[in-house]
Each structure stands twice: as C-alpha cells, then as structure tokens.
N, C-alpha and C. Protein backbone atom coordinates (compact mmCIF):
# COMPACT_ATOMS: atom_id res chain seq x y z
N MET A 1 111.76 94.28 80.53
CA MET A 1 112.90 93.36 80.12
C MET A 1 113.68 93.72 79.38
N THR A 2 114.79 94.76 79.38
CA THR A 2 115.41 95.26 78.03
C THR A 2 116.41 94.42 77.61
N ALA A 3 115.68 94.31 76.20
CA ALA A 3 116.54 93.07 75.62
C ALA A 3 117.39 93.70 73.87
N SER A 4 117.54 93.29 72.78
CA SER A 4 118.38 93.98 71.40
C SER A 4 116.59 93.78 70.97
N LEU A 5 116.65 93.51 69.70
CA LEU A 5 115.65 93.84 69.31
C LEU A 5 114.54 92.70 69.32
N HIS A 6 115.51 91.55 69.20
CA HIS A 6 114.87 89.84 69.44
C HIS A 6 113.86 89.93 70.78
N THR A 7 113.07 89.71 69.83
CA THR A 7 111.49 89.55 70.98
C THR A 7 112.35 88.22 72.13
N PRO A 8 112.23 88.46 73.77
CA PRO A 8 112.64 87.12 74.42
C PRO A 8 110.59 86.30 74.32
N VAL A 9 111.17 84.96 74.85
CA VAL A 9 110.29 84.12 74.67
C VAL A 9 109.21 84.49 75.25
N GLY A 10 108.40 84.41 74.81
CA GLY A 10 106.57 84.03 75.16
C GLY A 10 106.32 85.75 75.41
N ARG A 11 107.29 86.57 73.93
CA ARG A 11 106.80 87.84 73.97
C ARG A 11 106.20 87.85 72.75
N SER A 12 105.78 86.92 71.75
CA SER A 12 106.08 86.99 70.35
C SER A 12 104.51 88.23 70.03
N HIS A 13 103.91 88.86 70.81
CA HIS A 13 103.13 89.65 70.00
C HIS A 13 103.03 90.45 69.06
N PRO A 14 102.29 90.43 68.00
CA PRO A 14 102.66 91.40 67.02
C PRO A 14 102.98 92.96 67.29
N ALA A 15 102.93 93.47 68.04
CA ALA A 15 103.05 94.66 68.65
C ALA A 15 104.71 95.14 68.22
N PHE A 16 105.32 93.75 69.01
CA PHE A 16 107.00 94.00 68.94
C PHE A 16 107.27 93.78 67.63
N VAL A 17 107.01 93.02 66.59
CA VAL A 17 107.26 92.95 65.20
C VAL A 17 106.68 94.27 64.28
N ALA A 18 105.58 94.90 64.57
CA ALA A 18 105.30 96.75 64.58
C ALA A 18 106.58 97.46 64.49
N LEU A 19 106.30 97.41 66.37
CA LEU A 19 107.96 98.36 66.53
C LEU A 19 108.86 98.15 66.32
N THR A 20 109.35 96.92 65.73
CA THR A 20 110.55 97.04 65.34
C THR A 20 110.82 97.64 64.08
N THR A 21 109.51 97.04 63.06
CA THR A 21 109.16 97.75 62.09
C THR A 21 109.26 99.22 61.80
N TYR A 22 108.71 100.42 62.96
CA TYR A 22 108.56 100.97 63.14
C TYR A 22 110.66 101.83 63.25
N LEU A 23 110.98 101.44 64.19
CA LEU A 23 112.32 101.67 64.37
C LEU A 23 113.44 101.24 63.26
N ALA A 24 113.19 100.50 62.58
CA ALA A 24 113.79 99.99 61.26
C ALA A 24 113.75 101.53 60.37
N ASP A 25 111.93 101.62 60.10
CA ASP A 25 111.92 103.02 59.60
C ASP A 25 112.80 104.50 59.81
N VAL A 26 112.63 104.41 61.32
CA VAL A 26 113.19 105.59 61.72
C VAL A 26 114.66 105.63 61.55
N THR A 27 115.23 104.54 62.37
CA THR A 27 117.07 104.10 62.29
C THR A 27 116.88 104.28 60.72
N ASP A 28 116.28 103.95 59.82
CA ASP A 28 116.77 104.28 58.09
C ASP A 28 117.07 106.02 57.49
N ALA A 29 115.71 106.47 58.28
CA ALA A 29 115.29 107.86 57.95
C ALA A 29 116.79 108.72 58.36
N LEU A 30 117.26 108.20 60.05
CA LEU A 30 118.28 109.08 60.90
C LEU A 30 119.98 108.41 59.92
N GLY A 31 119.64 107.53 59.18
CA GLY A 31 120.90 106.89 58.38
C GLY A 31 121.75 105.84 59.01
N ILE A 32 121.16 105.57 60.42
CA ILE A 32 121.88 104.00 60.84
C ILE A 32 121.29 103.14 60.87
N GLY A 33 121.25 102.23 61.56
CA GLY A 33 120.71 100.72 61.50
C GLY A 33 120.83 100.51 62.67
N LEU A 34 119.25 99.33 62.74
CA LEU A 34 118.82 98.72 63.71
C LEU A 34 119.85 98.24 65.09
N GLU A 35 120.80 98.22 64.60
CA GLU A 35 122.07 97.48 65.82
C GLU A 35 122.13 98.79 66.64
N SER A 36 121.48 100.15 66.45
CA SER A 36 121.78 101.26 67.30
C SER A 36 120.66 101.32 68.47
N CYS A 37 119.72 100.24 68.47
CA CYS A 37 118.63 100.02 69.15
C CYS A 37 118.59 99.31 70.25
N THR A 38 117.72 99.16 71.23
CA THR A 38 117.61 98.37 72.22
C THR A 38 116.15 98.67 72.55
N VAL A 39 115.10 97.44 73.18
CA VAL A 39 113.87 97.89 73.52
C VAL A 39 113.59 97.61 74.76
N ASP A 40 112.62 97.80 75.19
CA ASP A 40 112.41 97.46 77.02
C ASP A 40 111.07 96.61 76.76
N HIS A 41 110.91 95.62 76.53
CA HIS A 41 109.68 95.13 76.40
C HIS A 41 108.40 95.21 77.12
N ASP A 42 108.87 95.07 78.69
CA ASP A 42 108.04 95.51 79.62
C ASP A 42 107.79 96.72 79.50
N ALA A 43 105.93 96.72 80.02
CA ALA A 43 105.33 97.81 79.98
C ALA A 43 105.67 98.90 80.81
N PRO A 44 105.65 100.17 80.34
CA PRO A 44 105.11 100.78 79.12
C PRO A 44 106.61 100.17 78.19
N VAL A 45 106.22 99.54 77.09
CA VAL A 45 106.80 99.78 76.18
C VAL A 45 107.79 100.77 75.52
N SER A 46 109.23 100.31 75.44
CA SER A 46 109.99 101.81 75.20
C SER A 46 110.90 101.15 74.64
N ALA A 47 111.97 101.91 73.94
CA ALA A 47 113.02 101.87 72.94
C ALA A 47 113.84 103.00 73.17
N TYR A 48 114.97 102.41 72.51
CA TYR A 48 116.71 103.36 72.96
C TYR A 48 117.07 103.19 71.69
N VAL A 49 117.87 104.61 71.09
CA VAL A 49 118.40 104.54 69.85
C VAL A 49 119.64 105.22 70.03
N ALA A 50 120.66 104.80 70.11
CA ALA A 50 121.78 105.25 69.91
C ALA A 50 122.36 106.28 68.84
N LEU A 51 122.78 107.22 69.11
CA LEU A 51 122.77 108.50 68.05
C LEU A 51 124.43 109.25 67.86
N ASP A 52 124.52 108.91 66.73
CA ASP A 52 126.27 109.39 66.63
C ASP A 52 126.41 111.29 66.79
N GLY A 53 127.56 111.82 67.36
CA GLY A 53 127.54 113.54 67.05
C GLY A 53 126.92 114.15 68.68
N HIS A 54 126.77 114.88 68.94
CA HIS A 54 126.53 115.81 70.35
C HIS A 54 125.65 116.82 70.23
N LEU A 55 125.14 117.31 71.00
CA LEU A 55 124.37 118.60 70.98
C LEU A 55 125.14 120.17 71.53
N PRO A 56 125.11 121.07 70.61
CA PRO A 56 125.84 122.52 71.06
C PRO A 56 125.45 122.72 72.76
N ALA A 57 124.27 122.18 73.21
CA ALA A 57 124.20 122.87 74.81
C ALA A 57 125.04 121.82 75.91
N HIS A 58 125.27 120.43 75.16
CA HIS A 58 125.38 119.55 75.65
C HIS A 58 126.71 118.77 74.77
N PRO A 59 128.13 119.90 74.65
CA PRO A 59 129.31 119.03 73.70
C PRO A 59 130.07 118.02 74.82
N GLY A 60 130.54 117.24 74.52
CA GLY A 60 130.96 116.15 74.54
C GLY A 60 129.95 115.10 75.21
N ARG A 61 128.90 115.18 75.00
CA ARG A 61 127.98 114.09 75.78
C ARG A 61 127.49 113.19 74.55
N ASP A 62 127.63 112.21 74.19
CA ASP A 62 126.41 111.11 73.53
C ASP A 62 125.06 111.50 73.60
N ILE A 63 124.79 111.41 72.74
CA ILE A 63 123.11 111.86 72.46
C ILE A 63 122.43 110.35 72.51
N ALA A 64 121.28 110.10 72.57
CA ALA A 64 120.48 109.31 72.60
C ALA A 64 118.65 109.79 71.95
N LEU A 65 118.10 108.64 71.38
CA LEU A 65 116.98 109.29 70.85
C LEU A 65 115.82 108.12 71.84
N LEU A 66 115.17 108.56 72.56
CA LEU A 66 114.23 107.57 73.11
C LEU A 66 112.67 107.71 72.61
N TRP A 67 112.17 106.48 72.92
CA TRP A 67 110.85 106.56 73.03
C TRP A 67 110.14 105.40 73.66
N ASP A 68 108.91 106.33 73.78
CA ASP A 68 107.79 105.46 74.99
C ASP A 68 106.83 105.38 74.23
N GLU A 69 105.32 104.46 74.56
CA GLU A 69 104.26 104.18 74.50
C GLU A 69 103.13 105.30 75.08
N ARG A 70 103.89 105.95 75.87
CA ARG A 70 102.75 106.96 76.66
C ARG A 70 103.29 108.61 76.08
N HIS A 71 104.59 108.56 76.06
CA HIS A 71 104.85 110.32 75.79
C HIS A 71 105.94 110.11 73.82
N GLY A 72 105.83 109.33 73.19
CA GLY A 72 106.26 109.44 72.30
C GLY A 72 108.54 109.43 72.19
N TRP A 73 108.69 110.25 71.34
CA TRP A 73 110.48 110.71 70.97
C TRP A 73 110.69 111.66 72.06
N ALA A 74 111.97 111.51 72.63
CA ALA A 74 112.55 113.06 72.96
C ALA A 74 113.86 112.54 72.61
N VAL A 75 114.68 113.40 72.30
CA VAL A 75 116.48 113.23 72.88
C VAL A 75 116.72 113.38 74.09
N ALA A 76 117.45 112.54 74.84
CA ALA A 76 118.40 112.86 75.81
C ALA A 76 119.97 112.58 75.68
N ALA A 77 120.55 113.61 76.60
CA ALA A 77 122.03 113.44 76.58
C ALA A 77 122.67 112.26 78.04
N GLU A 78 123.37 111.77 77.26
CA GLU A 78 124.15 110.96 78.34
C GLU A 78 125.22 111.38 79.41
N THR A 79 125.00 110.65 81.05
CA THR A 79 125.29 111.33 81.57
C THR A 79 127.24 111.24 81.63
N HIS A 80 128.06 111.45 82.80
CA HIS A 80 129.21 110.66 82.75
C HIS A 80 129.48 109.93 83.66
N SER A 81 128.18 109.53 84.24
CA SER A 81 128.50 108.86 85.66
C SER A 81 127.52 107.55 85.89
N GLY A 82 126.78 107.11 84.51
CA GLY A 82 126.05 106.32 84.15
C GLY A 82 124.69 106.43 84.86
N GLU A 83 124.35 107.88 85.26
CA GLU A 83 122.86 108.30 85.95
C GLU A 83 122.05 108.27 84.94
N ASP A 84 120.77 109.03 85.21
CA ASP A 84 119.90 108.58 84.37
C ASP A 84 120.08 109.87 83.12
N LEU A 85 119.53 109.25 82.03
CA LEU A 85 119.90 110.44 80.81
C LEU A 85 119.26 111.65 81.10
N ILE A 86 119.86 112.64 80.49
CA ILE A 86 119.09 114.56 80.57
C ILE A 86 118.46 114.26 79.25
N VAL A 87 117.35 114.53 79.64
CA VAL A 87 116.01 114.71 78.65
C VAL A 87 115.95 115.85 78.27
N VAL A 88 116.28 116.39 76.85
CA VAL A 88 116.48 117.61 76.33
C VAL A 88 115.11 118.15 75.90
N ARG A 89 114.55 117.01 74.97
CA ARG A 89 113.21 117.72 74.19
C ARG A 89 113.06 116.34 73.93
N HIS A 90 111.69 116.93 74.22
CA HIS A 90 110.58 115.35 73.71
C HIS A 90 109.71 116.34 72.33
N LEU A 91 109.59 115.50 71.23
CA LEU A 91 108.94 115.57 70.60
C LEU A 91 107.43 116.30 70.00
N GLY A 92 106.67 115.59 71.22
CA GLY A 92 104.87 115.99 71.14
C GLY A 92 104.70 115.58 69.76
N GLY A 93 103.10 116.11 69.57
CA GLY A 93 102.36 115.72 68.74
C GLY A 93 101.28 115.30 69.15
N ALA A 94 100.21 114.57 68.19
CA ALA A 94 99.26 113.93 67.89
C ALA A 94 99.34 112.15 68.38
N THR A 95 100.70 111.56 68.08
CA THR A 95 100.83 110.26 68.19
C THR A 95 101.96 109.38 68.40
N VAL A 96 101.99 108.61 69.33
CA VAL A 96 103.26 108.31 69.49
C VAL A 96 104.07 107.43 68.53
N ALA A 97 103.67 107.54 67.48
CA ALA A 97 104.25 107.14 66.54
C ALA A 97 104.39 107.93 64.53
N PRO A 98 105.28 109.53 65.07
CA PRO A 98 105.15 110.19 63.87
C PRO A 98 105.53 109.59 62.69
N SER A 99 105.59 110.19 61.55
CA SER A 99 106.72 110.44 60.72
C SER A 99 108.02 109.71 60.74
N PRO A 100 108.88 109.07 60.07
CA PRO A 100 110.27 108.87 60.89
C PRO A 100 110.79 109.98 60.36
N ALA A 101 110.71 110.93 59.08
CA ALA A 101 110.97 111.87 58.49
C ALA A 101 110.66 112.96 59.09
N ARG A 102 109.94 113.21 59.97
CA ARG A 102 109.40 114.13 61.50
C ARG A 102 110.53 113.65 62.27
N VAL A 103 110.75 112.48 62.61
CA VAL A 103 111.74 112.05 63.48
C VAL A 103 113.35 112.20 63.28
N ALA A 104 113.52 112.45 62.28
CA ALA A 104 114.57 112.47 61.90
C ALA A 104 114.64 114.13 61.93
N ARG A 105 114.00 114.98 62.00
CA ARG A 105 113.94 116.11 61.07
C ARG A 105 113.98 116.67 62.79
N PHE A 106 113.17 116.29 63.86
CA PHE A 106 113.20 116.96 64.92
C PHE A 106 115.13 116.56 65.63
N VAL A 107 115.40 115.50 65.21
CA VAL A 107 116.79 115.37 65.87
C VAL A 107 117.71 116.56 65.17
N GLU A 108 117.74 116.21 63.98
CA GLU A 108 118.27 117.46 63.10
C GLU A 108 118.27 118.69 63.66
N ALA A 109 117.39 119.63 64.36
CA ALA A 109 117.16 120.67 64.31
C ALA A 109 117.78 120.83 65.70
N LEU A 110 117.72 119.89 66.50
CA LEU A 110 118.24 119.83 68.16
C LEU A 110 119.72 119.90 67.76
N ARG A 111 120.42 118.94 66.88
CA ARG A 111 121.47 119.00 66.52
C ARG A 111 122.36 120.64 66.34
N GLU A 112 121.42 121.27 65.62
CA GLU A 112 121.51 122.01 64.90
C GLU A 112 121.61 123.65 65.82
N GLY A 113 121.24 123.23 67.36
CA GLY A 113 120.75 123.70 68.02
C GLY A 113 119.82 124.56 68.61
N ASP A 114 118.30 124.47 67.82
CA ASP A 114 117.13 124.80 67.25
C ASP A 114 116.38 124.50 69.51
N HIS A 115 116.47 125.68 69.63
CA HIS A 115 115.54 125.60 71.28
C HIS A 115 114.15 125.63 71.13
N HIS A 116 113.47 125.88 70.19
CA HIS A 116 112.12 126.24 70.00
C HIS A 116 111.67 124.88 69.67
N ILE A 117 112.34 123.72 69.13
CA ILE A 117 111.34 122.52 68.68
C ILE A 117 111.04 121.81 70.10
N GLY A 118 109.87 121.24 70.12
CA GLY A 118 109.67 120.12 70.68
C GLY A 118 109.19 121.02 71.94
N LEU A 119 109.40 120.01 72.50
CA LEU A 119 108.63 120.06 74.32
C LEU A 119 109.43 120.42 75.48
N LEU A 120 109.75 120.84 76.48
CA LEU A 120 110.10 120.67 77.60
C LEU A 120 109.93 119.64 78.64
N ASP A 121 108.27 119.53 78.75
CA ASP A 121 108.35 118.28 79.10
C ASP A 121 107.75 117.21 78.63
N PRO A 122 107.15 115.69 79.27
CA PRO A 122 106.42 114.80 78.13
C PRO A 122 105.59 115.24 77.98
N PRO A 123 104.91 114.90 76.93
CA PRO A 123 103.35 115.34 76.66
C PRO A 123 102.46 113.77 76.73
N ALA A 124 101.48 114.06 77.33
CA ALA A 124 100.30 112.78 77.55
C ALA A 124 100.14 112.72 76.24
N ILE A 125 100.69 111.54 75.27
CA ILE A 125 99.82 111.85 73.88
C ILE A 125 98.94 110.46 74.38
N ARG A 126 99.17 109.32 74.92
CA ARG A 126 98.37 108.28 74.83
C ARG A 126 98.74 107.47 76.19
N ILE A 127 97.33 107.07 76.67
CA ILE A 127 97.27 105.96 78.00
C ILE A 127 97.67 104.95 77.10
N PRO A 128 98.59 103.97 77.95
CA PRO A 128 98.79 102.49 76.93
C PRO A 128 97.30 101.65 77.25
N ALA A 129 97.11 101.06 76.52
CA ALA A 129 95.82 100.18 76.37
C ALA A 129 95.99 98.75 76.51
N GLY A 130 97.14 98.32 76.35
CA GLY A 130 97.57 96.88 76.15
C GLY A 130 98.28 97.11 74.57
N LEU A 131 98.96 95.23 74.27
CA LEU A 131 99.43 95.48 73.47
C LEU A 131 99.08 95.51 72.14
N ALA A 132 97.52 94.74 72.10
CA ALA A 132 96.83 95.11 70.54
C ALA A 132 96.65 96.56 70.37
N GLU A 133 95.94 97.12 71.36
CA GLU A 133 96.30 98.66 70.66
C GLU A 133 97.25 99.38 70.45
N LEU A 134 98.33 99.20 71.00
CA LEU A 134 99.50 99.47 70.39
C LEU A 134 100.14 98.82 69.14
N ASP A 135 99.82 97.75 69.01
CA ASP A 135 100.11 96.96 67.72
C ASP A 135 99.20 97.75 66.86
N ALA A 136 98.01 98.45 66.67
CA ALA A 136 97.01 98.77 66.06
C ALA A 136 97.85 100.72 65.56
N VAL A 137 97.96 101.31 66.71
CA VAL A 137 98.91 103.12 66.94
C VAL A 137 100.09 102.58 65.43
N LEU A 138 100.99 101.42 65.75
CA LEU A 138 102.24 100.91 64.76
C LEU A 138 101.98 100.76 63.81
N ARG A 139 101.04 99.60 63.38
CA ARG A 139 100.35 99.77 62.06
C ARG A 139 99.87 100.47 61.34
N ASN A 140 99.45 101.12 61.94
CA ASN A 140 98.99 102.44 60.93
C ASN A 140 99.54 103.43 60.59
N GLN A 141 100.93 103.45 61.32
CA GLN A 141 101.92 104.47 61.15
C GLN A 141 102.90 103.64 59.48
N ILE A 142 102.86 102.79 60.23
CA ILE A 142 103.54 101.80 59.15
C ILE A 142 102.68 101.94 57.89
N SER A 143 101.59 101.70 57.99
CA SER A 143 100.64 101.37 56.26
C SER A 143 100.41 103.13 55.95
N GLY A 144 100.76 104.46 56.73
CA GLY A 144 100.32 105.09 56.60
C GLY A 144 101.35 105.96 55.94
C-alpha cells in the first residue's frame, strides 16, 4: 500500500515511526521536507523521495531518491511515459540506513556528474526479517 507518511490503520508498528524519523533526517540533510516523500508499507517496505533538479546524464528528467529495506538507497530518473523509473546508481554500503549526510553526499555527487560513486547493480545489504528487525536497524541509525 503506497501512502503518504501517515501510517495506514492497522499498521502502527514502531518500524514505521522509525522510518518516518529516518526519512525526516534524510530529507533535512537534502534541504527538502517530508512532503516530498511517500512510503509503501507493504513488504518489502520502501520509500520514494522526489528531488529537485536533474542529472547531467538525464537532462530534462526529474529525479527521485528511492529506498527499500533490502537494498537501501538509489537515485533514479523519471520517465516521460509513466513507466518504471530508470535507476541510475545504488548507494551500497553495510546498512540500508546510512547516515543522512552520506545520502546527501551521494545525491550531490550524482548531480555533479560523478560516474564512479555508488553501484550499478542493487546491493544485497539485508534480507528482510520482519518489522521488529527493521525497527532495530532504523533506530540504530537514529540513535547513532
């Protein structure tokens, strides 16, 4: 179920609160607000963050930051026809919840045309093991 950041009825698990807090920190580091975000509460949990600007390799296409609980962050270019997004790069790393500053540096490097940052293929960072485990991963980032 794709929704705004409001948790749907029956989905009041603390993992969704932790995800919203983490997204707030990331969007703050990017200089945008939570109104740019949507979350898909179904498994695997994922988020979409609309970004301003374009990438040099994709002029004229809006860009977005994507997150999911398996692969972490990726930057994608919108298509003109409503098809799936074109994933440009994945951030990678040891956690699906890297520091907001690291996410912001990743986005900025791609905006500047860095073709060496990140990964072309989605990394296998984590196998989803339920909302309690996701909550622990996200809370570790928030408190750390």
